[in-house]
Amino acid sequence: MKFITGIFLLLLTTTGFAQDPNLDDLAEAVEDYIEDYGLEDPEDILTWAELPRLAQQGEALTLTVTIENAREDEGFDLESVDLTWEFLDGYDVVSISPEPLDADNSMGSLTLYYNRVLEAGETMEVVFDLVAEKPGVHIGDVSIWDKDGSFLYRYVQSKISR
């Protein structure tokens, strides 16, 4: 079964599974959700997010999101890259590279619209230059969306100390 981590976490946090875990029921709920909404992970698209785990308040740091189209002969229609507010709450965003065509800061995340095709074998890095501002543990996710509504999800976490 193809597994969408974002849907898994959504169901885990919005249903009773967190209090009464039953992995068989959770797996079935995820499978039903995917079937109902027609969502699938984009095949042969590799993603990862790199971020220092610890930072001092006022320290500059970089979050790098890498998207690699590992397909041999097909492009990937990258629509957007999202970064959740829960994570961004601890940081000031100084710059983003490459600059998106458009951006939206609503619905729980900063959405960067790129609307471009990553050709077969092409890799793209989205670099967030940040300044650590609010002490604490900041957890969120990065979602990479294609034009068909499928997405890949990567978890980010760091701790800011005084």
Protein backbone atom coordinates (compact mmCIF):
# COMPACT_ATOMS: atom_id res chain seq x y z
CA MET A 1 0.00 0.00 0.00
CA LYS A 2 1.32 3.43 -0.90
CA PHE A 3 1.38 5.52 2.20
CA ILE A 4 0.95 9.27 2.44
CA THR A 5 2.59 10.38 5.64
CA GLY A 6 0.63 13.63 5.77
CA ILE A 7 -2.71 11.82 5.63
CA PHE A 8 -1.47 9.39 8.27
CA LEU A 9 -0.59 12.23 10.64
CA LEU A 10 -3.83 14.06 9.87
CA LEU A 11 -5.88 11.00 10.73
CA LEU A 12 -3.74 10.26 13.76
CA THR A 13 -4.28 13.72 15.24
CA THR A 14 -7.90 14.30 14.22
CA THR A 15 -9.32 10.92 15.20
CA GLY A 16 -9.24 8.94 18.41
CA PHE A 17 -6.21 6.92 17.31
CA ALA A 18 -3.81 9.03 19.38
CA GLN A 19 -5.65 8.06 22.57
CA ASP A 20 -6.55 4.48 21.59
CA PRO A 21 -4.00 3.32 19.03
CA ASN A 22 -4.92 0.38 16.84
CA LEU A 23 -2.58 0.32 13.86
CA ASP A 24 -4.76 -2.03 11.82
CA ASP A 25 -7.71 0.37 12.15
CA LEU A 26 -5.46 3.34 11.38
CA ALA A 27 -4.03 1.68 8.26
CA GLU A 28 -7.56 0.89 7.08
CA ALA A 29 -8.69 4.49 7.72
CA VAL A 30 -5.72 5.83 5.73
CA GLU A 31 -6.43 3.43 2.86
CA ASP A 32 -10.12 4.46 2.85
CA TYR A 33 -9.19 8.15 2.90
CA ILE A 34 -6.82 7.71 -0.05
CA GLU A 35 -9.44 5.74 -1.98
CA ASP A 36 -12.20 8.28 -1.23
CA TYR A 37 -10.12 11.28 -2.26
CA GLY A 38 -8.05 9.66 -5.01
CA LEU A 39 -4.74 10.79 -3.51
CA GLU A 40 -1.47 9.07 -4.26
CA ASP A 41 2.17 9.89 -3.61
CA PRO A 42 3.78 11.19 -6.79
CA GLU A 43 5.94 8.28 -7.97
CA ASP A 44 9.72 8.57 -8.21
CA ILE A 45 9.84 11.99 -6.58
CA LEU A 46 12.40 12.15 -3.79
CA THR A 47 12.26 14.86 -1.14
CA TRP A 48 14.10 15.72 2.02
CA ALA A 49 14.41 18.68 4.38
CA GLU A 50 17.63 19.71 6.12
CA LEU A 51 17.61 21.94 9.19
CA PRO A 52 19.83 22.27 12.26
CA ARG A 53 18.11 20.56 15.20
CA LEU A 54 19.31 23.18 17.71
CA ALA A 55 19.58 26.96 17.42
CA GLN A 56 20.14 29.90 19.74
CA GLN A 57 17.65 32.76 19.86
CA GLY A 58 18.79 35.35 17.30
CA GLU A 59 20.85 32.82 15.32
CA ALA A 60 20.59 32.70 11.53
CA LEU A 61 19.98 29.27 10.05
CA THR A 62 18.88 27.64 6.82
CA LEU A 63 16.12 25.17 6.02
CA THR A 64 16.79 23.49 2.69
CA VAL A 65 14.03 21.50 0.99
CA THR A 66 15.27 19.32 -1.86
CA ILE A 67 12.94 17.93 -4.54
CA GLU A 68 14.39 15.42 -6.98
CA ASN A 69 12.57 14.05 -10.00
CA ALA A 70 14.02 10.53 -10.21
CA ARG A 71 11.79 9.62 -13.17
CA GLU A 72 13.67 8.56 -16.27
CA ASP A 73 11.46 10.13 -18.91
CA GLU A 74 8.67 12.15 -17.34
CA GLY A 75 8.50 15.61 -15.81
CA PHE A 76 7.03 16.43 -12.42
CA ASP A 77 4.47 19.26 -12.32
CA LEU A 78 5.49 21.06 -9.14
CA GLU A 79 2.69 23.36 -8.03
CA SER A 80 3.75 24.51 -4.59
CA VAL A 81 5.81 24.04 -1.46
CA ASP A 82 4.07 24.60 1.92
CA LEU A 83 5.62 25.21 5.33
CA THR A 84 3.26 25.11 8.33
CA TRP A 85 2.69 27.98 10.74
CA GLU A 86 3.37 25.72 13.72
CA PHE A 87 7.00 25.58 12.63
CA LEU A 88 7.24 29.16 11.36
CA ASP A 89 5.93 30.51 14.68
CA GLY A 90 9.48 30.31 16.05
CA TYR A 91 11.26 32.00 13.16
CA ASP A 92 11.50 35.14 11.08
CA VAL A 93 11.76 34.31 7.38
CA VAL A 94 14.54 36.50 5.96
CA SER A 95 14.48 35.19 2.39
CA ILE A 96 13.34 32.32 0.18
CA SER A 97 15.21 31.11 -2.87
CA PRO A 98 14.23 30.64 -5.58
CA GLU A 99 11.62 33.32 -5.32
CA PRO A 100 8.14 31.85 -5.92
CA LEU A 101 5.79 33.14 -8.61
CA ASP A 102 3.24 33.81 -5.87
CA ALA A 103 2.79 33.15 -2.17
CA ASP A 104 -0.14 32.74 0.20
CA ASN A 105 0.07 32.91 3.97
CA SER A 106 -3.28 31.41 4.96
CA MET A 107 -4.93 28.09 5.78
CA GLY A 108 -2.27 27.13 8.32
CA SER A 109 0.80 27.42 6.14
CA LEU A 110 3.01 29.59 4.00
CA THR A 111 2.38 28.34 0.46
CA LEU A 112 4.95 29.11 -2.23
CA TYR A 113 3.66 28.69 -5.77
CA TYR A 114 6.27 27.65 -8.32
CA ASN A 115 4.02 26.17 -11.04
CA ARG A 116 6.89 24.67 -12.99
CA VAL A 117 7.96 21.35 -14.41
CA LEU A 118 10.95 19.55 -12.96
CA GLU A 119 12.33 17.63 -15.93
CA ALA A 120 13.37 13.98 -15.61
CA GLY A 121 16.50 13.80 -13.46
CA GLU A 122 16.23 17.45 -12.35
CA THR A 123 16.68 18.53 -8.73
CA MET A 124 15.40 21.74 -7.17
CA GLU A 125 16.30 23.22 -3.79
CA VAL A 126 14.06 25.66 -1.96
CA VAL A 127 16.13 27.50 0.63
CA PHE A 128 14.58 29.33 3.57
CA ASP A 129 16.95 31.73 5.34
CA LEU A 130 15.59 32.02 8.88
CA VAL A 131 16.37 33.73 12.17
CA ALA A 132 15.50 31.84 15.36
CA GLU A 133 13.24 34.09 17.42
CA LYS A 134 10.95 32.26 19.85
CA PRO A 135 12.53 29.81 22.34
CA GLY A 136 10.98 26.36 22.43
CA VAL A 137 10.52 23.31 20.26
CA HIS A 138 9.03 24.11 16.86
CA ILE A 139 7.50 21.28 14.88
CA GLY A 140 5.80 21.37 11.50
CA ASP A 141 5.84 19.98 8.04
CA VAL A 142 6.86 20.77 4.53
CA SER A 143 4.47 19.62 1.80
CA ILE A 144 5.39 19.40 -1.87
CA TRP A 145 2.27 19.50 -4.08
CA ASP A 146 1.88 18.55 -7.71
CA LYS A 147 -0.78 20.00 -10.02
CA ASP A 148 -2.98 16.88 -9.60
CA GLY A 149 -3.37 17.44 -5.86
CA SER A 150 -0.95 14.71 -4.79
CA PHE A 151 1.67 15.63 -2.25
CA LEU A 152 4.74 14.52 -0.37
CA TYR A 153 5.28 15.45 3.25
CA ARG A 154 8.42 15.96 5.29
CA TYR A 155 8.55 16.58 9.02
CA VAL A 156 10.74 19.40 10.41
CA GLN A 157 11.63 20.12 14.02
CA SER A 158 14.13 22.26 15.85
CA LYS A 159 14.67 23.63 19.31
CA ILE A 160 15.48 27.27 19.96
CA SER A 161 17.30 28.09 23.20
CA ARG A 162 17.80 31.49 24.84
